[in-house]
Protein backbone atom coordinates (compact mmCIF):
# COMPACT_ATOMS: atom_id res chain seq x y z
CA UNK A 1 -19.26 122.54 -45.33
CA UNK A 2 -21.07 122.82 -41.90
CA UNK A 3 -19.72 121.02 -38.89
CA UNK A 4 -21.03 117.35 -37.40
CA UNK A 5 -24.27 118.82 -35.52
CA UNK A 6 -23.12 118.05 -31.93
CA UNK A 7 -24.98 118.09 -28.40
CA UNK A 8 -24.77 121.85 -28.36
CA UNK A 9 -27.05 121.48 -31.04
CA UNK A 10 -28.88 119.08 -29.51
CA UNK A 11 -29.48 121.14 -26.47
CA UNK A 12 -30.56 123.97 -28.65
CA UNK A 13 -33.41 121.94 -30.21
CA UNK A 14 -34.91 120.51 -26.63
CA UNK A 15 -34.61 124.52 -25.49
CA UNK A 16 -37.04 125.08 -28.53
CA UNK A 17 -39.07 121.88 -27.19
CA UNK A 18 -38.54 119.81 -30.37
CA UNK A 19 -37.08 117.14 -28.16
CA UNK A 20 -37.98 114.20 -30.33
CA UNK A 21 -35.29 115.49 -32.56
CA UNK A 22 -33.02 116.95 -30.42
CA UNK A 23 -33.60 113.09 -28.65
CA UNK A 24 -32.92 111.69 -31.71
CA UNK A 25 -29.78 112.92 -32.48
CA UNK A 26 -28.45 112.71 -29.21
CA UNK A 27 -28.66 108.77 -29.54
CA UNK A 28 -26.84 109.79 -32.89
CA UNK A 29 -24.08 111.00 -31.31
CA UNK A 30 -23.60 108.66 -27.99
CA UNK A 31 -23.94 105.55 -31.16
CA UNK A 32 -20.89 106.87 -32.35
CA UNK A 33 -19.26 107.11 -29.36
CA UNK A 34 -20.90 105.65 -26.15
CA UNK A 35 -19.44 106.84 -23.47
CA UNK A 36 -19.55 110.61 -24.45
CA UNK A 37 -20.61 112.38 -21.16
CA UNK A 38 -21.85 115.52 -22.10
CA UNK A 39 -24.25 113.11 -24.86
CA UNK A 40 -25.75 110.40 -21.91
CA UNK A 41 -26.35 113.59 -19.70
CA UNK A 42 -28.18 116.22 -21.84
CA UNK A 43 -30.08 112.73 -22.81
CA UNK A 44 -30.85 111.92 -19.25
CA UNK A 45 -31.88 114.97 -19.22
CA UNK A 46 -34.12 115.13 -21.78
CA UNK A 47 -35.75 111.63 -21.01
CA UNK A 48 -35.99 113.17 -17.53
CA UNK A 49 -37.99 116.30 -18.28
CA UNK A 50 -40.48 114.44 -20.30
CA UNK A 51 -40.77 111.34 -17.13
CA UNK A 52 -39.59 108.65 -18.59
CA UNK A 53 -37.52 108.60 -15.54
CA UNK A 54 -36.25 104.88 -16.07
CA UNK A 55 -34.66 105.02 -19.08
CA UNK A 56 -33.15 108.32 -17.78
CA UNK A 57 -30.87 106.56 -14.21
CA UNK A 58 -28.69 104.41 -15.90
CA UNK A 59 -28.04 107.40 -18.56
CA UNK A 60 -27.16 109.36 -15.74
CA UNK A 61 -25.84 106.71 -13.75
CA UNK A 62 -23.07 105.77 -16.17
CA UNK A 63 -22.16 110.14 -16.66
CA UNK A 64 -21.84 110.12 -13.03
CA UNK A 65 -19.23 107.10 -13.13
CA UNK A 66 -17.72 108.83 -16.07
CA UNK A 67 -17.08 112.37 -14.29
CA UNK A 68 -17.61 111.95 -10.52
CA UNK A 69 -16.39 115.25 -9.71
CA UNK A 70 -19.29 117.09 -11.43
CA UNK A 71 -22.36 118.76 -9.28
CA UNK A 72 -24.70 119.12 -12.26
CA UNK A 73 -24.87 115.67 -13.41
CA UNK A 74 -25.55 114.09 -9.32
CA UNK A 75 -27.80 116.77 -9.09
CA UNK A 76 -30.14 115.18 -12.25
CA UNK A 77 -29.24 112.05 -10.93
CA UNK A 78 -30.70 113.01 -7.27
CA UNK A 79 -33.26 114.19 -8.53
CA UNK A 80 -34.67 110.99 -10.71
CA UNK A 81 -34.27 108.35 -7.89
CA UNK A 82 -36.02 110.90 -5.72
CA UNK A 83 -38.94 110.63 -8.44
CA UNK A 84 -38.57 106.33 -8.84
CA UNK A 85 -38.86 106.58 -4.73
CA UNK A 86 -35.38 105.71 -3.70
CA UNK A 87 -35.00 108.54 -1.73
CA UNK A 88 -32.40 107.13 0.57
CA UNK A 89 -30.48 106.75 -3.01
CA UNK A 90 -30.62 110.39 -3.80
CA UNK A 91 -30.40 111.96 -0.21
CA UNK A 92 -25.86 110.36 -1.03
CA UNK A 93 -26.20 111.53 -4.11
CA UNK A 94 -27.38 115.04 -3.66
CA UNK A 95 -25.23 115.19 -0.02
CA UNK A 96 -22.25 114.47 -2.53
CA UNK A 97 -24.06 117.59 -5.49
CA UNK A 98 -23.64 119.71 -2.73
CA UNK A 99 -20.56 118.86 -0.83
CA UNK A 100 -18.90 119.85 -4.46
CA UNK A 101 -20.11 122.39 -5.22
CA UNK A 102 -22.45 124.73 -2.69
CA UNK A 103 -22.99 127.18 -4.87
CA UNK A 104 -25.38 125.56 -7.00
CA UNK A 105 -29.31 126.40 -6.43
CA UNK A 106 -30.47 123.63 -8.04
CA UNK A 107 -28.35 121.02 -5.83
CA UNK A 108 -29.58 122.55 -2.99
CA UNK A 109 -33.18 122.49 -4.39
CA UNK A 110 -33.29 118.97 -5.18
CA UNK A 111 -31.83 118.13 -1.53
CA UNK A 112 -34.13 120.12 0.11
CA UNK A 113 -37.10 118.42 -1.61
CA UNK A 114 -35.93 114.55 -0.97
CA UNK A 115 -35.32 115.64 2.99
CA UNK A 116 -38.77 117.29 2.19
CA UNK A 117 -40.35 114.11 1.33
CA UNK A 118 -38.43 111.51 3.80
CA UNK A 119 -40.41 113.94 6.72
CA UNK A 120 -37.10 115.68 7.52
CA UNK A 121 -38.64 119.21 7.46
CA UNK A 122 -36.59 121.03 9.47
CA UNK A 123 -33.65 119.99 7.36
CA UNK A 124 -35.28 120.14 4.02
CA UNK A 125 -35.80 123.97 5.12
CA UNK A 126 -32.76 124.89 5.45
CA UNK A 127 -31.58 123.78 2.26
CA UNK A 128 -34.47 125.35 0.29
CA UNK A 129 -33.43 128.61 1.79
CA UNK A 130 -29.77 128.00 1.00
CA UNK A 131 -30.46 127.55 -2.65
CA UNK A 132 -33.17 130.04 -2.31
CA UNK A 133 -30.52 132.35 -0.98
CA UNK A 134 -28.02 131.58 -3.72
CA UNK A 135 -31.13 132.39 -6.43
CA UNK A 136 -33.98 134.21 -4.66
CA UNK A 137 -36.47 133.72 -8.12
CA UNK A 138 -35.92 129.98 -7.60
CA UNK A 139 -40.31 129.13 -8.07
CA UNK A 140 -39.26 125.41 -7.71
CA UNK A 141 -37.76 126.56 -4.41
CA UNK A 142 -41.12 128.40 -2.98
CA UNK A 143 -42.81 125.09 -4.36
CA UNK A 144 -40.59 122.82 -2.22
CA UNK A 145 -40.65 125.11 1.03
CA UNK A 146 -44.86 125.08 0.58
CA UNK A 147 -44.11 121.19 0.97
CA UNK A 148 -42.07 121.05 3.61
CA UNK A 149 -44.26 123.85 5.97
CA UNK A 150 -47.90 121.81 4.55
CA UNK A 151 -45.88 119.18 6.03
CA UNK A 152 -44.92 120.40 9.08
CA UNK A 153 -49.01 121.70 10.08
CA UNK A 154 -47.71 125.22 9.00
CA UNK A 155 -50.96 125.57 5.92
CA UNK A 156 -50.69 129.13 6.55
CA UNK A 157 -47.08 129.59 5.88
CA UNK A 158 -47.33 126.88 3.00
CA UNK A 159 -50.17 128.73 0.94
CA UNK A 160 -47.88 132.10 1.64
CA UNK A 161 -44.74 130.08 -0.13
CA UNK A 162 -46.75 128.77 -3.59
CA UNK A 163 -48.02 132.06 -3.45
CA UNK A 164 -44.64 133.15 -3.69
CA UNK A 165 -43.37 130.29 -5.96
CA UNK A 166 -46.86 131.28 -8.10
CA UNK A 167 -45.72 134.77 -8.15
CA UNK A 168 -42.10 133.47 -10.35
CA UNK A 169 -43.93 130.86 -12.57
CA UNK A 170 -47.07 131.54 -13.02
CA UNK A 171 -47.51 128.04 -14.62
CA UNK A 172 -45.77 126.05 -12.07
CA UNK A 173 -47.77 122.77 -11.81
CA UNK A 174 -46.84 121.70 -8.86
CA UNK A 175 -47.05 124.83 -7.05
CA UNK A 176 -50.61 125.80 -8.42
CA UNK A 177 -51.66 122.43 -6.95
CA UNK A 178 -50.17 123.09 -3.55
CA UNK A 179 -51.59 125.65 -3.01
CA UNK A 180 -55.40 124.47 -4.12
CA UNK A 181 -54.69 122.03 -2.22
CA UNK A 182 -53.61 123.43 0.67
CA UNK A 183 -56.50 125.61 0.82
CA UNK A 184 -58.92 122.87 1.63
CA UNK A 185 -56.27 122.36 4.82
CA UNK A 186 -57.06 126.41 5.54
CA UNK A 187 -59.25 127.52 8.62
CA UNK A 188 -58.98 131.12 7.07
CA UNK A 189 -60.49 130.31 4.09
CA UNK A 190 -64.65 130.09 3.29
CA UNK A 191 -65.56 127.64 0.06
CA UNK A 192 -66.39 130.22 -1.94
CA UNK A 193 -62.95 131.56 -1.85
CA UNK A 194 -61.35 128.42 -2.42
CA UNK A 195 -63.82 128.48 -5.53
CA UNK A 196 -61.96 131.97 -7.05
CA UNK A 197 -58.41 129.91 -6.24
CA UNK A 198 -59.55 127.51 -8.77
CA UNK A 199 -61.51 129.63 -10.66
CA UNK A 200 -57.84 131.46 -10.89
CA UNK A 201 -56.09 128.88 -11.87
CA UNK A 202 -58.37 127.63 -14.56
CA UNK A 203 -58.18 130.48 -16.60
CA UNK A 204 -54.36 131.02 -15.81
CA UNK A 205 -53.24 127.28 -16.98
CA UNK A 206 -55.89 125.99 -18.37
CA UNK A 207 -58.66 127.58 -20.42
CA UNK A 208 -56.22 129.15 -23.42
CA UNK A 209 -55.00 125.73 -23.87
CA UNK A 210 -55.83 124.41 -27.77
CA UNK A 211 -58.50 121.27 -27.60
CA UNK A 212 -60.60 119.92 -30.36
CA UNK A 213 -64.27 119.03 -29.85
CA UNK A 214 -65.14 116.37 -27.28
CA UNK A 215 -65.55 112.70 -28.85
CA UNK A 216 -69.07 111.64 -29.38
CA UNK A 217 -70.50 109.05 -26.77
CA UNK A 218 -70.55 105.67 -29.10
CA UNK A 219 -73.37 103.90 -29.73
CA UNK A 220 -73.64 100.16 -28.12
CA UNK A 221 -71.99 98.33 -26.50
CA UNK A 222 -70.49 98.50 -22.43
CA UNK A 223 -69.39 101.61 -20.94
CA UNK A 224 -66.16 102.37 -21.68
CA UNK A 225 -64.40 103.75 -18.69
CA UNK A 226 -61.16 105.15 -17.67
CA UNK A 227 -59.24 105.14 -14.49
CA UNK A 228 -56.21 108.20 -14.24
CA UNK A 229 -54.64 107.87 -11.15
CA UNK A 230 -50.90 108.26 -10.20
CA UNK A 231 -51.64 106.13 -6.83
CA UNK A 232 -52.46 102.94 -8.47
CA UNK A 233 -49.78 101.39 -5.08
CA UNK A 234 -50.06 101.33 -1.62
CA UNK A 235 -51.56 104.68 -0.96
CA UNK A 236 -55.58 105.46 0.41
CA UNK A 237 -56.75 105.98 -3.07
CA UNK A 238 -55.66 102.79 -4.36
CA UNK A 239 -56.41 100.84 -1.37
CA UNK A 240 -60.45 102.19 -2.44
CA UNK A 241 -60.01 101.55 -5.61
CA UNK A 242 -59.27 98.04 -5.05
CA UNK A 243 -62.72 97.09 -3.16
CA UNK A 244 -64.13 98.56 -6.97
CA UNK A 245 -62.35 97.38 -9.79
CA UNK A 246 -62.39 93.51 -9.18
CA UNK A 247 -66.24 94.17 -8.32
CA UNK A 248 -67.34 96.35 -11.52
CA UNK A 249 -69.89 94.36 -13.82
CA UNK A 250 -68.30 93.33 -16.73
CA UNK A 251 -71.43 92.45 -18.69
CA UNK A 252 -71.63 96.24 -18.82
CA UNK A 253 -68.40 98.44 -18.35
CA UNK A 254 -65.37 98.03 -20.12
CA UNK A 255 -62.61 99.23 -17.86
CA UNK A 256 -59.13 101.18 -18.79
CA UNK A 257 -56.68 101.70 -15.92
CA UNK A 258 -54.28 104.92 -17.20
CA UNK A 259 -50.77 104.18 -14.52
CA UNK A 260 -49.45 108.26 -13.82
CA UNK A 261 -46.57 107.36 -11.81
CA UNK A 262 -43.04 105.93 -12.49
CA UNK A 263 -43.50 104.18 -9.22
CA UNK A 264 -45.22 100.19 -8.81
CA UNK A 265 -45.72 97.97 -5.94
CA UNK A 266 -47.18 95.23 -4.92
CA UNK A 267 -50.73 96.44 -5.15
CA UNK A 268 -50.15 98.36 -8.53
CA UNK A 269 -49.37 94.51 -10.12
CA UNK A 270 -52.62 93.62 -8.65
CA UNK A 271 -54.74 96.51 -9.74
CA UNK A 272 -53.30 95.70 -13.18
CA UNK A 273 -54.25 92.28 -12.97
CA UNK A 274 -57.72 93.07 -12.42
CA UNK A 275 -58.22 95.73 -14.93
CA UNK A 276 -59.25 94.97 -18.70
CA UNK A 277 -56.76 97.67 -19.82
CA UNK A 278 -53.80 99.00 -18.63
CA UNK A 279 -51.91 101.68 -19.92
CA UNK A 280 -48.71 103.34 -17.98
CA UNK A 281 -49.40 107.28 -19.62
CA UNK A 282 -46.28 108.57 -16.64
CA UNK A 283 -43.58 108.98 -19.48
CA UNK A 284 -46.19 110.64 -21.88
CA UNK A 285 -46.82 114.47 -21.79
CA UNK A 286 -50.38 115.55 -21.26
CA UNK A 287 -51.30 115.96 -24.55
CA UNK A 288 -49.70 112.16 -25.80
CA UNK A 289 -51.71 110.53 -22.70
CA UNK A 290 -54.87 112.67 -24.66
CA UNK A 291 -54.67 110.95 -27.54
CA UNK A 292 -54.73 107.87 -26.63
CA UNK A 293 -57.34 108.00 -24.38
CA UNK A 294 -59.57 109.88 -27.72
CA UNK A 295 -58.07 106.28 -29.86
CA UNK A 296 -59.25 103.96 -27.10
CA UNK A 297 -63.02 105.31 -27.17
CA UNK A 298 -63.67 106.06 -23.69
CA UNK A 299 -67.02 107.10 -22.84
CA UNK A 300 -66.82 108.46 -18.70
CA UNK A 301 -62.59 109.46 -18.13
CA UNK A 302 -62.59 110.03 -14.14
CA UNK A 303 -59.88 112.05 -12.33
CA UNK A 304 -58.22 109.91 -8.96
CA UNK A 305 -55.82 112.81 -7.63
CA UNK A 306 -57.49 115.94 -8.69
CA UNK A 307 -54.57 118.33 -6.40
CA UNK A 308 -53.04 116.42 -5.22
CA UNK A 309 -49.32 114.88 -6.51
CA UNK A 310 -49.33 113.48 -9.22
CA UNK A 311 -52.28 114.67 -11.08
CA UNK A 312 -52.89 114.81 -14.62
CA UNK A 313 -55.68 117.52 -15.20
CA UNK A 314 -54.16 118.84 -17.71
CA UNK A 315 -55.10 115.45 -19.92
CA UNK A 316 -58.87 116.32 -18.61
CA UNK A 317 -58.58 120.20 -19.36
CA UNK A 318 -57.95 118.68 -23.00
CA UNK A 319 -61.91 117.29 -23.46
CA UNK A 320 -60.64 113.51 -24.75
CA UNK A 321 -63.41 111.77 -23.69
CA UNK A 322 -67.27 113.13 -24.25
CA UNK A 323 -68.26 112.91 -19.82
CA UNK A 324 -65.74 113.44 -17.20
CA UNK A 325 -65.50 113.16 -13.55
CA UNK A 326 -63.81 113.41 -10.06
CA UNK A 327 -64.09 110.67 -7.07
CA UNK A 328 -61.55 108.74 -4.93
CA UNK A 329 -59.15 111.89 -4.49
CA UNK A 330 -60.70 114.14 -2.03
CA UNK A 331 -64.71 115.09 -1.88
CA UNK A 332 -64.26 118.99 -3.67
CA UNK A 333 -64.04 120.74 -6.83
CA UNK A 334 -61.29 119.76 -9.80
CA UNK A 335 -61.39 123.35 -10.42
CA UNK A 336 -61.75 122.34 -13.97
CA UNK A 337 -64.43 123.84 -16.36
CA UNK A 338 -64.01 120.50 -18.44
CA UNK A 339 -64.65 118.66 -15.57
CA UNK A 340 -68.80 117.57 -16.20
CA UNK A 341 -68.84 115.71 -12.64
CA UNK A 342 -67.96 115.19 -9.04
CA UNK A 343 -69.27 112.16 -7.53
CA UNK A 344 -70.37 113.09 -3.48
CA UNK A 345 -73.24 111.85 -0.65
CA UNK A 346 -75.96 113.49 0.62
CA UNK A 347 -74.20 114.56 3.79
CA UNK A 348 -71.00 115.44 2.39
CA UNK A 349 -72.70 117.66 -0.66
CA UNK A 350 -76.35 118.65 0.65
CA UNK A 351 -78.44 120.99 -1.35
CA UNK A 352 -76.59 124.07 -3.00
CA UNK A 353 -73.14 122.71 -2.75
CA UNK A 354 -72.75 122.61 -6.49
CA UNK A 355 -72.43 126.66 -5.59
CA UNK A 356 -68.84 125.76 -4.15
CA UNK A 357 -67.71 123.95 -7.20
CA UNK A 358 -67.04 123.87 -11.16
CA UNK A 359 -68.78 120.29 -11.52
CA UNK A 360 -72.11 119.05 -10.78
CA UNK A 361 -72.60 116.27 -8.13
CA UNK A 362 -74.11 112.82 -9.08
CA UNK A 363 -74.64 111.75 -5.48
CA UNK A 364 -74.43 108.50 -4.03
CA UNK A 365 -77.21 107.02 -2.29
CA UNK A 366 -74.68 105.80 0.63
CA UNK A 367 -70.89 107.16 2.12
CA UNK A 368 -68.47 108.26 -0.28
CA UNK A 369 -66.46 105.73 1.52
CA UNK A 370 -66.19 101.91 1.83
CA UNK A 371 -63.09 100.05 3.01
CA UNK A 372 -61.40 96.14 3.04
CA UNK A 373 -60.92 96.26 6.90
CA UNK A 374 -57.49 95.17 8.73
CA UNK A 375 -57.54 91.58 9.89
CA UNK A 376 -56.80 92.81 12.83
CA UNK A 377 -57.03 91.38 16.47
CA UNK A 378 -59.01 94.17 19.06
CA UNK A 379 -57.01 95.74 21.83
CA UNK A 380 -57.47 95.24 25.49
CA UNK A 381 -58.25 98.27 26.87
CA UNK A 382 -57.76 99.19 30.41
CA UNK A 383 -55.95 102.48 30.91
CA UNK A 384 -56.94 104.86 34.09
CA UNK A 385 -56.24 107.72 32.15
CA UNK A 386 -58.10 108.93 29.19
CA UNK A 387 -56.09 108.99 24.90
CA UNK A 388 -58.16 111.01 22.88
CA UNK A 389 -56.29 110.90 19.39
CA UNK A 390 -55.25 111.62 16.28
CA UNK A 391 -53.73 110.12 13.36
CA UNK A 392 -54.30 112.25 10.94
CA UNK A 393 -51.58 114.55 8.69
CA UNK A 394 -50.31 117.43 10.43
CA UNK A 395 -51.71 120.08 8.62
CA UNK A 396 -55.02 118.77 8.85
CA UNK A 397 -54.39 120.40 12.35
CA UNK A 398 -55.70 123.85 11.71
CA UNK A 399 -55.23 126.50 14.85
CA UNK A 400 -59.22 126.01 15.28
CA UNK A 401 -59.17 122.63 15.66
CA UNK A 402 -55.94 122.58 17.91
CA UNK A 403 -57.76 124.98 20.27
CA UNK A 404 -60.79 123.14 20.58
CA UNK A 405 -59.00 120.15 21.63
CA UNK A 406 -56.79 122.36 24.27
CA UNK A 407 -60.51 122.93 25.73
CA UNK A 408 -61.11 119.29 26.10
CA UNK A 409 -57.87 118.54 27.76
CA UNK A 410 -57.92 121.04 30.56
CA UNK A 411 -61.72 120.11 30.75
CA UNK A 412 -61.24 116.47 31.61
CA UNK A 413 -57.89 115.56 34.24
CA UNK A 414 -55.22 113.07 33.60
CA UNK A 415 -56.06 113.04 29.47
CA UNK A 416 -53.43 113.36 26.69
CA UNK A 417 -53.15 113.68 23.77
CA UNK A 418 -51.88 111.16 20.57
CA UNK A 419 -51.01 113.44 17.30
CA UNK A 420 -49.23 112.22 14.13
CA UNK A 421 -45.55 114.01 13.98
CA UNK A 422 -42.66 114.65 12.65
CA UNK A 423 -40.05 112.07 12.19
CA UNK A 424 -37.74 114.18 13.95
CA UNK A 425 -39.56 115.93 17.66
CA UNK A 426 -38.67 119.76 16.87
CA UNK A 427 -40.62 119.80 13.33
CA UNK A 428 -43.64 119.88 15.61
CA UNK A 429 -43.28 123.42 17.11
CA UNK A 430 -46.16 124.97 15.22
CA UNK A 431 -48.44 122.67 16.82
CA UNK A 432 -47.30 122.15 20.28
CA UNK A 433 -46.38 126.50 20.20
CA UNK A 434 -50.46 126.90 19.93
CA UNK A 435 -51.87 124.12 22.26
CA UNK A 436 -48.86 125.36 25.05
CA UNK A 437 -50.60 129.03 24.26
CA UNK A 438 -54.01 127.90 25.02
CA UNK A 439 -52.32 126.26 28.70
CA UNK A 440 -52.01 122.24 27.70
CA UNK A 441 -48.71 121.27 29.31
CA UNK A 442 -46.74 119.67 26.61
CA UNK A 443 -46.37 116.38 28.54
CA UNK A 444 -49.90 116.09 28.00
CA UNK A 445 -48.76 115.33 24.56
CA UNK A 446 -47.37 112.30 22.51
CA UNK A 447 -45.73 112.42 19.61
CA UNK A 448 -46.20 109.32 17.32
CA UNK A 449 -43.73 108.96 13.94
CA UNK A 450 -45.19 107.66 10.98
CA UNK A 451 -45.69 104.12 11.05
CA UNK A 452 -46.44 101.01 8.94
CA UNK A 453 -50.00 99.89 8.30
CA UNK A 454 -50.76 97.54 11.31
CA UNK A 455 -48.37 99.10 14.05
CA UNK A 456 -50.62 102.42 12.98
CA UNK A 457 -54.23 100.03 13.48
CA UNK A 458 -52.35 99.04 16.67
CA UNK A 459 -52.14 102.88 17.92
CA UNK A 460 -55.53 103.49 17.00
CA UNK A 461 -56.32 100.44 19.35
CA UNK A 462 -54.58 102.68 21.87
CA UNK A 463 -56.18 105.71 21.47
CA UNK A 464 -59.59 105.88 24.07
CA UNK A 465 -61.89 108.77 21.81
CA UNK A 466 -60.46 110.41 18.43
CA UNK A 467 -61.05 113.30 17.86
CA UNK A 468 -61.58 113.76 14.37
CA UNK A 469 -59.45 117.75 12.41
CA UNK A 470 -61.32 120.61 11.37
CA UNK A 471 -61.92 122.05 8.30
CA UNK A 472 -60.41 118.84 6.53
CA UNK A 473 -61.90 116.13 8.75
CA UNK A 474 -60.59 112.32 8.70
CA UNK A 475 -61.83 110.27 6.22
CA UNK A 476 -59.32 106.97 5.96
CA UNK A 477 -58.22 107.66 9.66
CA UNK A 478 -61.92 107.90 10.83
CA UNK A 479 -63.12 104.51 9.10
CA UNK A 480 -59.72 102.91 10.45
CA UNK A 481 -60.32 104.23 14.25
CA UNK A 482 -63.96 102.37 13.57
CA UNK A 483 -62.53 99.42 13.00
CA UNK A 484 -60.38 99.25 16.51
CA UNK A 485 -63.07 100.15 18.75
CA UNK A 486 -62.16 103.71 18.86
CA UNK A 487 -65.07 106.24 18.96
CA UNK A 488 -64.13 109.36 17.06
CA UNK A 489 -65.95 112.84 17.74
CA UNK A 490 -66.47 114.79 14.82
CA UNK A 491 -67.29 119.35 13.69
CA UNK A 492 -69.16 119.58 10.00
CA UNK A 493 -68.47 123.37 8.54
CA UNK A 494 -69.54 124.97 5.46
CA UNK A 495 -67.17 122.58 2.97
CA UNK A 496 -67.64 118.79 1.87
CA UNK A 497 -64.04 118.33 3.57
CA UNK A 498 -65.26 119.13 6.65
CA UNK A 499 -68.44 116.85 6.11
CA UNK A 500 -66.80 113.62 5.91
CA UNK A 501 -66.53 112.33 9.68
CA UNK A 502 -70.79 113.05 9.40
CA UNK A 503 -70.58 111.01 6.49
CA UNK A 504 -68.99 107.90 7.98
CA UNK A 505 -70.41 108.15 11.28
CA UNK A 506 -73.98 108.21 10.06
CA UNK A 507 -73.31 104.95 8.04
CA UNK A 508 -72.58 104.09 11.26
CA UNK A 509 -75.40 104.73 12.58
CA UNK A 510 -73.22 107.09 15.01
CA UNK A 511 -74.52 110.92 14.21
CA UNK A 512 -74.71 111.73 18.21
CA UNK A 513 -71.34 112.60 17.77
CA UNK A 514 -71.46 114.70 14.34
CA UNK A 515 -71.34 118.26 15.78
CA UNK A 516 -71.76 121.67 13.96
CA UNK A 517 -70.78 123.95 16.19
CA UNK A 518 -67.39 124.37 18.27
CA UNK A 519 -68.79 124.45 21.84
CA UNK A 520 -71.54 121.43 20.39
CA UNK A 521 -67.46 119.41 19.53
CA UNK A 522 -66.06 119.92 22.95
CA UNK A 523 -69.15 119.31 25.21
CA UNK A 524 -69.44 115.52 23.46
CA UNK A 525 -65.89 114.92 23.67
CA UNK A 526 -66.14 115.82 27.41
CA UNK A 527 -68.90 114.29 28.40
CA UNK A 528 -67.80 110.77 26.51
CA UNK A 529 -64.03 110.74 28.03
CA UNK A 530 -66.20 111.30 31.46
CA UNK A 531 -68.86 108.73 30.74
CA UNK A 532 -66.51 105.55 31.36
CA UNK A 533 -69.92 103.13 31.00
CA UNK A 534 -70.97 104.29 28.22
CA UNK A 535 -67.37 105.04 26.38
CA UNK A 536 -66.46 101.26 27.66
CA UNK A 537 -69.65 100.22 25.69
CA UNK A 538 -69.01 101.46 22.20
CA UNK A 539 -65.86 100.47 21.94
CA UNK A 540 -67.10 97.03 22.54
CA UNK A 541 -69.59 97.33 20.59
CA UNK A 542 -67.81 99.26 17.30
CA UNK A 543 -66.30 97.27 15.35
CA UNK A 544 -69.86 95.36 15.22
CA UNK A 545 -71.67 98.22 14.28
CA UNK A 546 -68.65 98.74 10.74
CA UNK A 547 -69.41 95.33 9.95
CA UNK A 548 -72.85 95.69 9.80
CA UNK A 549 -72.64 98.67 7.90
CA UNK A 550 -72.92 99.94 4.36
CA UNK A 551 -69.01 100.99 4.80
CA UNK A 552 -67.74 97.25 4.45
CA UNK A 553 -69.73 96.44 1.73
CA UNK A 554 -68.06 96.78 -1.36
CA UNK A 555 -70.25 95.02 -3.90
CA UNK A 556 -72.98 97.24 -2.75
CA UNK A 557 -70.78 100.55 -3.40
CA UNK A 558 -69.68 99.45 -6.55
CA UNK A 559 -73.58 98.92 -7.67
CA UNK A 560 -74.12 102.82 -6.39
CA UNK A 561 -70.91 103.72 -8.17
CA UNK A 562 -72.36 101.86 -11.61
CA UNK A 563 -75.05 103.77 -11.25
CA UNK A 564 -74.21 107.29 -10.47
CA UNK A 565 -71.62 106.81 -13.25
CA UNK A 566 -74.71 105.83 -15.97
CA UNK A 567 -77.02 108.47 -14.81
CA UNK A 568 -73.55 110.51 -15.17
CA UNK A 569 -73.33 109.35 -18.93
CA UNK A 570 -76.51 109.77 -19.52
CA UNK A 571 -76.33 113.30 -18.89
């Protein structure tokens, strides 16, 4: 007679990718013995692996309560708490795990990942390097190291780390997306080189996927649009989308939203209320999510993340809709041969831009961005020294632009530069060293930490002149700066992401601040700093310029986007 099925049998099924059978067996074991820690742990890990994080956490907590000195359940619980955004709790749990078993590489990797998300980059890197000492071929630790280095602004180092992770695990989703996204920040790569990297990713990851023939476009009725995003929350993408979703013409469009993250906040709730159809796909695998889209008969499926964290591009790789497009994430290629369109505008994407992307480009008749400004008073200015500033992510501050900022600072006596820095000052050494090598005293650099939205807006109001980064311009940050009366000098390049500043400045009639040569960028910034009357006039007039511009006309933007969608659906 065969012995009763055991947890080991369930684990064997899991390793054969027979997840549903493994889960069913474990639930039967737990029903017979609700306190079996091995079964609870195995079920928690299976649920975690397939994205059902909320269900995994209580199971893992029961295991930890039953066997508090076991490092592996603590490590898995810490990872689950991280995915739910409970970073402080995750850190405490993972620090217990490494204290109990300092030789377990996975625990050090998970701890490093949490520290990186807490923006404690130096500490995170130390934990990740410990993981790699213990297990040199741990691709996940290499990928997390890439995220940490990018967070500190060391994009070249991040690219090397992501490549190392891909060499170990060619299909590692996070490493692949991390590499492709990081390349947009690099001042060492041309648009064609970036495109080739995306093409290599497509061939390696998505080209060989089984996909049924694309569904046919429905005839008659409203156009069914499906929006897919992990960022339906208080995030730049979520805030942008909140300007559009309530204004969609429901007589012509039926809107489906596919929420691809296990976390939610007040903006998530507001978007869910505004959508006609809301579906949480965070716990679905790509095949199941694609099947759901097909079942809904979506005419146009829109990706809102591209290669950023939480992206579900492999749903789009399965071609669940007859027409697929990318928008909202960032203005560049998705890397998918199954993505038909991406949205651009005439400045971001002049004629010929299609050569740097997989998709056809449907251009709005206005700027790519719109926003609903913060209700915040303008500041009172009057300081004697000129404050230049950038409140963009450190990854955007490339060596090329740091050296140009050095030239500006050295040419304007007494001026200082405000920069968004890591939470721990020691983690800013990469940028500070480049500025120092160019002759800028560290005392002229003011590092400010990431801050709440209102404080961030007020910080922009204290900066006299914004300096746009390069090659990945500030986008939402430029909108915020202009709203707070701070002019921004921008440098355009060969890529679409490097022309965001020019597009936004054109929308408010400040094309003269948009430059295309490094020497002009430096000259315009210096001239603006030395003509105090002209600068004061800009400070006083910018908010009115923005208020009268298309940038705040969310209804007009939505109508323009809808025309683009109809053009895409028509082919």
